[in-house]
Amino acid sequence: MFDTKVIAIIVQVLLIAGAINWGLVAYNGTDAVQLITGGGDIEKVVKMVVAAAGLYSAYSLYAMYNQ
């Protein structure tokens, strides 16, 4: 369905967005995901997708160094 390059780009975009969100939370307490989604279940889904991207990235890094 998706080429590995496309998946890598999607993962990187999600990780960058997550990092920016965490930076905003640390800087002034603003949670951009909550502001954009209005909170609730959709906020949890977005954050779980970002977490899954982080796990995928960690696995990819591990696999790359253990070839």
Protein backbone atom coordinates (compact mmCIF):
# COMPACT_ATOMS: atom_id res chain seq x y z
CA MET A 1 0.00 0.00 0.00
CA PHE A 2 2.64 2.53 1.07
CA ASP A 3 6.25 2.61 -0.01
CA THR A 4 8.77 2.68 2.87
CA LYS A 5 9.87 6.19 1.85
CA VAL A 6 6.30 7.46 2.21
CA ILE A 7 5.97 5.80 5.62
CA ALA A 8 9.29 7.33 6.71
CA ILE A 9 8.14 10.81 5.65
CA ILE A 10 4.81 10.43 7.46
CA VAL A 11 6.59 9.23 10.60
CA GLN A 12 9.04 12.14 10.48
CA VAL A 13 6.23 14.69 10.06
CA LEU A 14 4.36 13.18 13.02
CA LEU A 15 7.50 13.19 15.17
CA ILE A 16 8.26 16.82 14.29
CA ALA A 17 4.68 17.83 15.11
CA GLY A 18 4.89 15.91 18.38
CA ALA A 19 8.19 17.55 19.29
CA ILE A 20 6.80 21.01 18.57
CA ASN A 21 3.74 20.22 20.69
CA TRP A 22 5.90 19.05 23.61
CA GLY A 23 8.00 22.19 23.24
CA LEU A 24 4.89 24.35 23.46
CA VAL A 25 3.70 22.43 26.52
CA ALA A 26 7.08 22.94 28.21
CA TYR A 27 7.38 26.59 27.16
CA ASN A 28 3.97 27.94 28.11
CA GLY A 29 1.64 25.04 28.87
CA THR A 30 -0.16 25.20 25.52
CA ASP A 31 -1.19 21.81 24.15
CA ALA A 32 -1.63 22.39 20.41
CA VAL A 33 -3.26 19.00 19.86
CA GLN A 34 -5.90 19.80 22.45
CA LEU A 35 -6.49 23.24 20.93
CA ILE A 36 -6.84 21.85 17.40
CA THR A 37 -8.95 18.81 18.25
CA GLY A 38 -11.00 20.27 21.07
CA GLY A 39 -9.95 17.47 23.42
CA GLY A 40 -11.76 14.22 23.99
CA ASP A 41 -11.25 10.97 22.16
CA ILE A 42 -9.86 12.50 18.95
CA GLU A 43 -7.05 14.09 20.98
CA LYS A 44 -6.18 10.68 22.43
CA VAL A 45 -6.18 9.12 18.96
CA VAL A 46 -3.85 11.81 17.58
CA LYS A 47 -1.46 11.38 20.50
CA MET A 48 -1.53 7.58 20.13
CA VAL A 49 -0.70 7.92 16.42
CA VAL A 50 2.27 10.15 17.29
CA ALA A 51 3.37 7.61 19.92
CA ALA A 52 3.09 4.80 17.35
CA ALA A 53 5.26 6.86 14.99
CA GLY A 54 7.86 7.15 17.75
CA LEU A 55 7.83 3.40 18.33
CA TYR A 56 8.14 2.75 14.59
CA SER A 57 11.07 5.16 14.40
CA ALA A 58 12.79 3.52 17.37
CA TYR A 59 12.31 0.08 15.82
CA SER A 60 13.64 1.31 12.46
CA LEU A 61 16.73 2.74 14.14
CA TYR A 62 17.28 -0.50 16.06
CA ALA A 63 16.86 -2.59 12.90
CA MET A 64 19.23 -0.36 10.95
CA TYR A 65 22.03 -0.76 13.50
CA ASN A 66 21.52 -4.51 13.91
CA GLN A 67 21.82 -5.61 10.30
